Amino acid sequence: MTQFPSADFDHFSSHYEEHLEDPIKTWFGGNSSQYYLQLKADELCQHLVRLGLQPRKLRALDVGCGTGTVMNILEQKFLELYGVDSSEGMIEAARKRSSKKLSFQVIHGNHLPFGENEFDIVYSMSLFHHVPDQARLMALQEITRVVRNGGWILNFEHNALNPLTRWVVRRCPLDRGVTLLRSSEMASLYRSLQLREIHTRFILFFPKALQLLRRLETNLFWCPLGGQFYVAARKALQ
């Protein structure tokens, strides 16, 4: 069983962002997917700071990096930043559009191309809803393997409880046939692997047209109606 999304994405690699843009523009009136990716990248860094960490001192891995858009946003934020994807087309596109400071590798089979305990932080952006239900625990286990003891895992996902999110997902060619997770399902996977300090935050409550209201999101992180959520957890110290 393949636990990471595979070469089905190769034929999207040359126009990946276009497929993200269409459903978002239809609903949010011309918003760019780049805007939401920037917000998620910012949230990732802000949360690491809330945890008492300094991103510039961390070695990070993006699992399911696609064409490297989020990594390009984060390039100056981390000490080292690596990206992996099981689509060779996506990785080829990422290498062409990114600086040499960023490192990209293809996932072959079910194993990440790294040894144990190599990264301070491993994150994913909307990866797990592309992973078959029965393979999600194995995928998270493989991610956990490459995180150092005491390091952090953060997985961002579409919120299945948000009706607008479900509407957008149904109209996105990249998400055809996927099954969205609830935050409780992701947290349950974390507990199965004895990850520690598990916590969930909901984000993306307001479209760009209402971005002045974004200052309220800090106080809404507990409300399960955000467009997306992420679950963070720490690998136990050995």
C-alpha atoms as a PDB file:
ATOM      1  CA  MET A   1       0.000   0.000   0.000  1.00  0.00           C
ATOM      2  CA  THR A   2       1.344   3.428  -0.941  1.00  0.00           C
ATOM      3  CA  GLN A   3       0.992   5.764   2.018  1.00  0.00           C
ATOM      4  CA  PHE A   4       2.089   8.994   0.327  1.00  0.00           C
ATOM      5  CA  PRO A   5       0.198  10.513  -2.644  1.00  0.00           C
ATOM      6  CA  SER A   6       1.888   9.352  -5.827  1.00  0.00           C
ATOM      7  CA  ALA A   7       2.449  10.134  -9.484  1.00  0.00           C
ATOM      8  CA  ASP A   8      -1.222  10.978 -10.027  1.00  0.00           C
ATOM      9  CA  PHE A   9      -0.087  14.561  -9.439  1.00  0.00           C
ATOM     10  CA  ASP A  10       2.551  14.579 -12.179  1.00  0.00           C
ATOM     11  CA  HIS A  11       0.199  15.907 -14.842  1.00  0.00           C
ATOM     12  CA  PHE A  12      -0.764  18.834 -12.579  1.00  0.00           C
ATOM     13  CA  SER A  13       2.832  19.938 -12.010  1.00  0.00           C
ATOM     14  CA  SER A  14       3.043  22.465 -14.857  1.00  0.00           C
ATOM     15  CA  HIS A  15      -0.186  24.273 -13.859  1.00  0.00           C
ATOM     16  CA  TYR A  16      -0.623  23.323 -10.210  1.00  0.00           C
ATOM     17  CA  GLU A  17      -1.509  26.827  -8.961  1.00  0.00           C
ATOM     18  CA  GLU A  18      -4.155  27.274 -11.650  1.00  0.00           C
ATOM     19  CA  HIS A  19      -6.088  24.317 -10.264  1.00  0.00           C
ATOM     20  CA  LEU A  20      -5.876  25.801  -6.775  1.00  0.00           C
ATOM     21  CA  GLU A  21      -6.953  29.237  -7.956  1.00  0.00           C
ATOM     22  CA  ASP A  22     -10.171  28.420  -9.813  1.00  0.00           C
ATOM     23  CA  PRO A  23     -12.435  27.285  -6.942  1.00  0.00           C
ATOM     24  CA  ILE A  24     -10.987  29.881  -4.571  1.00  0.00           C
ATOM     25  CA  LYS A  25     -11.601  32.715  -7.044  1.00  0.00           C
ATOM     26  CA  THR A  26     -15.131  31.497  -7.718  1.00  0.00           C
ATOM     27  CA  TRP A  27     -16.088  31.780  -4.076  1.00  0.00           C
ATOM     28  CA  PHE A  28     -13.847  34.539  -2.737  1.00  0.00           C
ATOM     29  CA  GLY A  29     -14.060  36.892  -5.703  1.00  0.00           C
ATOM     30  CA  GLY A  30     -10.555  36.879  -7.128  1.00  0.00           C
ATOM     31  CA  ASN A  31      -8.465  35.928  -4.111  1.00  0.00           C
ATOM     32  CA  SER A  32      -5.200  34.223  -4.840  1.00  0.00           C
ATOM     33  CA  SER A  33      -4.246  30.887  -3.294  1.00  0.00           C
ATOM     34  CA  GLN A  34      -0.887  32.565  -2.588  1.00  0.00           C
ATOM     35  CA  TYR A  35      -2.642  34.743  -0.010  1.00  0.00           C
ATOM     36  CA  TYR A  36      -3.840  31.712   1.969  1.00  0.00           C
ATOM     37  CA  LEU A  37      -0.532  29.882   1.656  1.00  0.00           C
ATOM     38  CA  GLN A  38       1.198  32.986   3.026  1.00  0.00           C
ATOM     39  CA  LEU A  39      -1.196  33.027   5.989  1.00  0.00           C
ATOM     40  CA  LYS A  40      -0.480  29.368   6.740  1.00  0.00           C
ATOM     41  CA  ALA A  41       3.274  29.895   6.445  1.00  0.00           C
ATOM     42  CA  ASP A  42       3.002  32.852   8.826  1.00  0.00           C
ATOM     43  CA  GLU A  43       0.918  30.803  11.259  1.00  0.00           C
ATOM     44  CA  LEU A  44       3.517  28.018  11.209  1.00  0.00           C
ATOM     45  CA  CYS A  45       6.299  30.398  12.196  1.00  0.00           C
ATOM     46  CA  GLN A  46       4.176  32.205  14.768  1.00  0.00           C
ATOM     47  CA  HIS A  47       3.243  28.942  16.415  1.00  0.00           C
ATOM     48  CA  LEU A  48       6.858  27.846  16.640  1.00  0.00           C
ATOM     49  CA  VAL A  49       7.605  31.135  18.390  1.00  0.00           C
ATOM     50  CA  ARG A  50       4.687  30.484  20.765  1.00  0.00           C
ATOM     51  CA  LEU A  51       6.366  27.174  21.567  1.00  0.00           C
ATOM     52  CA  GLY A  52       9.517  29.069  22.518  1.00  0.00           C
ATOM     53  CA  LEU A  53      11.431  28.116  19.367  1.00  0.00           C
ATOM     54  CA  GLN A  54      13.434  30.240  16.938  1.00  0.00           C
ATOM     55  CA  PRO A  55      12.731  29.100  13.348  1.00  0.00           C
ATOM     56  CA  ARG A  56      16.081  30.482  12.125  1.00  0.00           C
ATOM     57  CA  LYS A  57      17.830  27.890  14.276  1.00  0.00           C
ATOM     58  CA  LEU A  58      15.745  24.939  13.065  1.00  0.00           C
ATOM     59  CA  ARG A  59      16.177  22.293  10.411  1.00  0.00           C
ATOM     60  CA  ALA A  60      12.742  21.752   8.818  1.00  0.00           C
ATOM     61  CA  LEU A  61      11.111  19.339   6.379  1.00  0.00           C
ATOM     62  CA  ASP A  62       8.025  19.953   4.228  1.00  0.00           C
ATOM     63  CA  VAL A  63       6.316  16.630   3.422  1.00  0.00           C
ATOM     64  CA  GLY A  64       4.174  16.815   0.288  1.00  0.00           C
ATOM     65  CA  CYS A  65       5.814  20.075  -0.775  1.00  0.00           C
ATOM     66  CA  GLY A  66       4.302  20.086  -4.282  1.00  0.00           C
ATOM     67  CA  THR A  67       5.914  22.746  -6.466  1.00  0.00           C
ATOM     68  CA  GLY A  68       7.572  24.359  -3.448  1.00  0.00           C
ATOM     69  CA  THR A  69       5.347  27.428  -3.073  1.00  0.00           C
ATOM     70  CA  VAL A  70       5.252  27.360   0.738  1.00  0.00           C
ATOM     71  CA  MET A  71       8.964  26.607   0.924  1.00  0.00           C
ATOM     72  CA  ASN A  72       9.729  29.657  -1.206  1.00  0.00           C
ATOM     73  CA  ILE A  73       7.729  31.766   1.252  1.00  0.00           C
ATOM     74  CA  LEU A  74       9.627  30.248   4.191  1.00  0.00           C
ATOM     75  CA  GLU A  75      13.075  30.197   2.602  1.00  0.00           C
ATOM     76  CA  GLN A  76      14.541  32.907   4.825  1.00  0.00           C
ATOM     77  CA  LYS A  77      12.790  31.732   7.985  1.00  0.00           C
ATOM     78  CA  PHE A  78      14.628  28.471   8.721  1.00  0.00           C
ATOM     79  CA  LEU A  79      18.239  27.434   9.136  1.00  0.00           C
ATOM     80  CA  GLU A  80      17.730  24.635   6.606  1.00  0.00           C
ATOM     81  CA  LEU A  81      14.589  23.711   4.673  1.00  0.00           C
ATOM     82  CA  TYR A  82      13.994  20.489   2.766  1.00  0.00           C
ATOM     83  CA  GLY A  83      11.005  19.366   0.719  1.00  0.00           C
ATOM     84  CA  VAL A  84       9.819  15.942  -0.411  1.00  0.00           C
ATOM     85  CA  ASP A  85       6.999  14.809  -2.664  1.00  0.00           C
ATOM     86  CA  SER A  86       6.141  11.504  -4.321  1.00  0.00           C
ATOM     87  CA  SER A  87       5.425  13.260  -7.635  1.00  0.00           C
ATOM     88  CA  GLU A  88       8.574  13.584  -9.739  1.00  0.00           C
ATOM     89  CA  GLY A  89       6.843  16.229 -11.841  1.00  0.00           C
ATOM     90  CA  MET A  90       6.144  18.366  -8.783  1.00  0.00           C
ATOM     91  CA  ILE A  91       9.731  18.073  -7.554  1.00  0.00           C
ATOM     92  CA  GLU A  92      11.094  18.957 -10.987  1.00  0.00           C
ATOM     93  CA  ALA A  93       8.891  22.059 -11.068  1.00  0.00           C
ATOM     94  CA  ALA A  94       9.946  22.976  -7.506  1.00  0.00           C
ATOM     95  CA  ARG A  95      13.630  22.781  -8.395  1.00  0.00           C
ATOM     96  CA  LYS A  96      13.160  25.007 -11.445  1.00  0.00           C
ATOM     97  CA  ARG A  97      11.341  27.749  -9.559  1.00  0.00           C
ATOM     98  CA  SER A  98      13.345  27.754  -6.307  1.00  0.00           C
ATOM     99  CA  SER A  99      16.761  28.929  -5.189  1.00  0.00           C
ATOM    100  CA  LYS A 100      19.637  26.527  -4.600  1.00  0.00           C
ATOM    101  CA  LYS A 101      19.301  27.121  -0.865  1.00  0.00           C
ATOM    102  CA  LEU A 102      16.245  24.848  -0.856  1.00  0.00           C
ATOM    103  CA  SER A 103      16.638  21.087  -1.218  1.00  0.00           C
ATOM    104  CA  PHE A 104      14.049  18.824  -2.879  1.00  0.00           C
ATOM    105  CA  GLN A 105      13.849  15.037  -3.108  1.00  0.00           C
ATOM    106  CA  VAL A 106      11.376  12.506  -4.472  1.00  0.00           C
ATOM    107  CA  ILE A 107       9.715  10.017  -2.130  1.00  0.00           C
ATOM    108  CA  HIS A 108      10.099   6.517  -3.529  1.00  0.00           C
ATOM    109  CA  GLY A 109       7.739   3.962  -2.038  1.00  0.00           C
ATOM    110  CA  ASN A 110       6.660   4.355   1.564  1.00  0.00           C
ATOM    111  CA  HIS A 111       9.812   5.772   3.094  1.00  0.00           C
ATOM    112  CA  LEU A 112      11.091   9.314   3.406  1.00  0.00           C
ATOM    113  CA  PRO A 113      14.643   9.659   2.032  1.00  0.00           C
ATOM    114  CA  PHE A 114      16.175  10.549   5.400  1.00  0.00           C
ATOM    115  CA  GLY A 115      17.506   8.824   8.476  1.00  0.00           C
ATOM    116  CA  GLU A 116      15.994   8.843  11.940  1.00  0.00           C
ATOM    117  CA  ASN A 117      15.924  11.997  14.086  1.00  0.00           C
ATOM    118  CA  GLU A 118      17.166  14.327  11.327  1.00  0.00           C
ATOM    119  CA  PHE A 119      14.804  17.296  11.662  1.00  0.00           C
ATOM    120  CA  ASP A 120      13.759  19.709  14.391  1.00  0.00           C
ATOM    121  CA  ILE A 121      10.410  20.361  12.685  1.00  0.00           C
ATOM    122  CA  VAL A 122       8.388  18.419  10.132  1.00  0.00           C
ATOM    123  CA  TYR A 123       5.245  19.936   8.694  1.00  0.00           C
ATOM    124  CA  SER A 124       2.734  19.263   5.932  1.00  0.00           C
ATOM    125  CA  MET A 125       0.188  21.485   4.211  1.00  0.00           C
ATOM    126  CA  SER A 126      -3.014  19.668   3.179  1.00  0.00           C
ATOM    127  CA  LEU A 127      -1.300  16.307   2.731  1.00  0.00           C
ATOM    128  CA  PHE A 128      -3.270  13.826   4.799  1.00  0.00           C
ATOM    129  CA  HIS A 129      -6.616  14.087   3.036  1.00  0.00           C
ATOM    130  CA  HIS A 130      -4.793  12.703  -0.027  1.00  0.00           C
ATOM    131  CA  VAL A 131      -3.530   9.716   1.974  1.00  0.00           C
ATOM    132  CA  PRO A 132      -5.838   6.651   2.028  1.00  0.00           C
ATOM    133  CA  ASP A 133      -7.603   6.268   5.379  1.00  0.00           C
ATOM    134  CA  GLN A 134      -5.912   2.963   6.158  1.00  0.00           C
ATOM    135  CA  ALA A 135      -2.450   4.387   5.389  1.00  0.00           C
ATOM    136  CA  ARG A 136      -2.606   7.579   7.440  1.00  0.00           C
ATOM    137  CA  LEU A 137      -1.150   6.090  10.604  1.00  0.00           C
ATOM    138  CA  MET A 138       1.767   4.600   8.656  1.00  0.00           C
ATOM    139  CA  ALA A 139       2.414   7.943   6.957  1.00  0.00           C
ATOM    140  CA  LEU A 140       2.470   9.752  10.296  1.00  0.00           C
ATOM    141  CA  GLN A 141       4.718   7.062  11.750  1.00  0.00           C
ATOM    142  CA  GLU A 142       7.208   7.623   8.932  1.00  0.00           C
ATOM    143  CA  ILE A 143       7.084  11.372   9.512  1.00  0.00           C
ATOM    144  CA  THR A 144       7.666  10.808  13.225  1.00  0.00           C
ATOM    145  CA  ARG A 145      10.695   8.645  12.456  1.00  0.00           C
ATOM    146  CA  VAL A 146      12.635  11.518  10.878  1.00  0.00           C
ATOM    147  CA  VAL A 147      11.843  14.046  13.646  1.00  0.00           C
ATOM    148  CA  ARG A 148      14.420  14.309  16.402  1.00  0.00           C
ATOM    149  CA  ASN A 149      13.452  13.391  19.934  1.00  0.00           C
ATOM    150  CA  GLY A 150      11.750  16.444  21.396  1.00  0.00           C
ATOM    151  CA  GLY A 151      11.055  17.869  17.933  1.00  0.00           C
ATOM    152  CA  TRP A 152       7.676  18.992  16.630  1.00  0.00           C
ATOM    153  CA  ILE A 153       5.224  17.799  13.974  1.00  0.00           C
ATOM    154  CA  LEU A 154       2.579  20.155  12.550  1.00  0.00           C
ATOM    155  CA  ASN A 155       0.042  19.034   9.955  1.00  0.00           C
ATOM    156  CA  PHE A 156      -2.327  21.545   8.337  1.00  0.00           C
ATOM    157  CA  GLU A 157      -5.610  20.268   6.875  1.00  0.00           C
ATOM    158  CA  HIS A 158      -8.884  21.433   5.347  1.00  0.00           C
ATOM    159  CA  ASN A 159     -11.578  21.604   8.003  1.00  0.00           C
ATOM    160  CA  ALA A 160     -14.312  19.080   7.222  1.00  0.00           C
ATOM    161  CA  LEU A 161     -16.699  20.956   9.548  1.00  0.00           C
ATOM    162  CA  ASN A 162     -16.571  24.124   7.467  1.00  0.00           C
ATOM    163  CA  PRO A 163     -19.227  24.079   4.686  1.00  0.00           C
ATOM    164  CA  LEU A 164     -17.357  26.602   2.512  1.00  0.00           C
ATOM    165  CA  THR A 165     -14.210  24.500   2.709  1.00  0.00           C
ATOM    166  CA  ARG A 166     -16.155  21.435   1.608  1.00  0.00           C
ATOM    167  CA  TRP A 167     -17.622  23.462  -1.274  1.00  0.00           C
ATOM    168  CA  VAL A 168     -14.162  24.538  -2.479  1.00  0.00           C
ATOM    169  CA  VAL A 169     -12.719  21.023  -2.123  1.00  0.00           C
ATOM    170  CA  ARG A 170     -15.524  19.502  -4.199  1.00  0.00           C
ATOM    171  CA  ARG A 171     -14.670  21.877  -7.047  1.00  0.00           C
ATOM    172  CA  CYS A 172     -10.895  21.469  -6.998  1.00  0.00           C
ATOM    173  CA  PRO A 173      -9.539  18.899  -9.524  1.00  0.00           C
ATOM    174  CA  LEU A 174      -6.611  18.203  -7.208  1.00  0.00           C
ATOM    175  CA  ASP A 175      -8.984  17.070  -4.465  1.00  0.00           C
ATOM    176  CA  ARG A 176     -11.254  14.840  -6.512  1.00  0.00           C
ATOM    177  CA  GLY A 177     -12.311  11.793  -4.489  1.00  0.00           C
ATOM    178  CA  VAL A 178     -10.556  12.775  -1.247  1.00  0.00           C
ATOM    179  CA  THR A 179     -11.857  12.218   2.269  1.00  0.00           C
ATOM    180  CA  LEU A 180     -11.372  15.161   4.614  1.00  0.00           C
ATOM    181  CA  LEU A 181     -10.235  14.575   8.176  1.00  0.00           C
ATOM    182  CA  ARG A 182     -11.633  16.074  11.319  1.00  0.00           C
ATOM    183  CA  SER A 183      -9.167  17.552  13.760  1.00  0.00           C
ATOM    184  CA  SER A 184     -10.115  14.865  16.285  1.00  0.00           C
ATOM    185  CA  GLU A 185      -9.076  12.172  13.788  1.00  0.00           C
ATOM    186  CA  MET A 186      -5.660  13.736  13.342  1.00  0.00           C
ATOM    187  CA  ALA A 187      -5.220  14.065  17.094  1.00  0.00           C
ATOM    188  CA  SER A 188      -6.175  10.407  17.490  1.00  0.00           C
ATOM    189  CA  LEU A 189      -3.431   9.416  15.045  1.00  0.00           C
ATOM    190  CA  TYR A 190      -0.966  11.423  17.122  1.00  0.00           C
ATOM    191  CA  ARG A 191      -2.022   9.676  20.313  1.00  0.00           C
ATOM    192  CA  SER A 192      -1.597   6.280  18.640  1.00  0.00           C
ATOM    193  CA  LEU A 193       2.100   7.085  18.220  1.00  0.00           C
ATOM    194  CA  GLN A 194       2.499   8.423  21.765  1.00  0.00           C
ATOM    195  CA  LEU A 195       3.194  11.950  20.573  1.00  0.00           C
ATOM    196  CA  ARG A 196       3.078  14.511  23.373  1.00  0.00           C
ATOM    197  CA  GLU A 197       1.643  17.985  24.012  1.00  0.00           C
ATOM    198  CA  ILE A 198      -0.985  17.579  21.293  1.00  0.00           C
ATOM    199  CA  HIS A 199      -2.957  20.705  20.498  1.00  0.00           C
ATOM    200  CA  THR A 200      -5.214  21.925  17.705  1.00  0.00           C
ATOM    201  CA  ARG A 201      -5.755  25.411  16.312  1.00  0.00           C
ATOM    202  CA  PHE A 202      -8.375  26.499  13.767  1.00  0.00           C
ATOM    203  CA  ILE A 203      -7.405  29.183  11.239  1.00  0.00           C
ATOM    204  CA  LEU A 204      -8.587  31.014   8.091  1.00  0.00           C
ATOM    205  CA  PHE A 205     -11.918  32.326   9.319  1.00  0.00           C
ATOM    206  CA  PHE A 206     -12.074  35.343   7.010  1.00  0.00           C
ATOM    207  CA  PRO A 207     -11.516  35.814   3.240  1.00  0.00           C
ATOM    208  CA  LYS A 208      -9.133  38.462   1.975  1.00  0.00           C
ATOM    209  CA  ALA A 209     -12.006  40.926   1.518  1.00  0.00           C
ATOM    210  CA  LEU A 210     -12.455  40.845   5.306  1.00  0.00           C
ATOM    211  CA  GLN A 211      -8.767  40.724   6.190  1.00  0.00           C
ATOM    212  CA  LEU A 212      -9.186  43.589   8.667  1.00  0.00           C
ATOM    213  CA  LEU A 213     -11.001  41.069  10.851  1.00  0.00           C
ATOM    214  CA  ARG A 214      -8.028  38.709  10.869  1.00  0.00           C
ATOM    215  CA  ARG A 215      -6.822  40.220  14.129  1.00  0.00           C
ATOM    216  CA  LEU A 216      -9.740  38.387  15.727  1.00  0.00           C
ATOM    217  CA  GLU A 217      -8.450  34.991  14.609  1.00  0.00           C
ATOM    218  CA  THR A 218      -5.950  34.797  17.447  1.00  0.00           C
ATOM    219  CA  ASN A 219      -8.896  34.590  19.819  1.00  0.00           C
ATOM    220  CA  LEU A 220     -10.908  32.211  17.631  1.00  0.00           C
ATOM    221  CA  PHE A 221      -8.351  29.398  17.394  1.00  0.00           C
ATOM    222  CA  TRP A 222     -10.564  27.170  19.568  1.00  0.00           C
ATOM    223  CA  CYS A 223     -13.646  27.549  17.339  1.00  0.00           C
ATOM    224  CA  PRO A 224     -14.023  24.522  15.002  1.00  0.00           C
ATOM    225  CA  LEU A 225     -15.392  26.581  12.102  1.00  0.00           C
ATOM    226  CA  GLY A 226     -12.180  27.913  10.576  1.00  0.00           C
ATOM    227  CA  GLY A 227     -11.482  27.044   6.957  1.00  0.00           C
ATOM    228  CA  GLN A 228      -8.483  24.981   8.024  1.00  0.00           C
ATOM    229  CA  PHE A 229      -6.895  23.613  11.168  1.00  0.00           C
ATOM    230  CA  TYR A 230      -3.553  22.263  12.223  1.00  0.00           C
ATOM    231  CA  VAL A 231      -2.571  19.801  14.896  1.00  0.00           C
ATOM    232  CA  ALA A 232       0.834  20.130  16.538  1.00  0.00           C
ATOM    233  CA  ALA A 233       2.560  17.570  18.715  1.00  0.00           C
ATOM    234  CA  ARG A 234       5.974  16.818  20.154  1.00  0.00           C
ATOM    235  CA  LYS A 235       7.976  13.652  19.770  1.00  0.00           C
ATOM    236  CA  ALA A 236       8.834  12.264  23.180  1.00  0.00           C
ATOM    237  CA  LEU A 237      12.325  12.703  24.582  1.00  0.00           C
ATOM    238  CA  GLN A 238      14.049   9.346  24.860  1.00  0.00           C
END
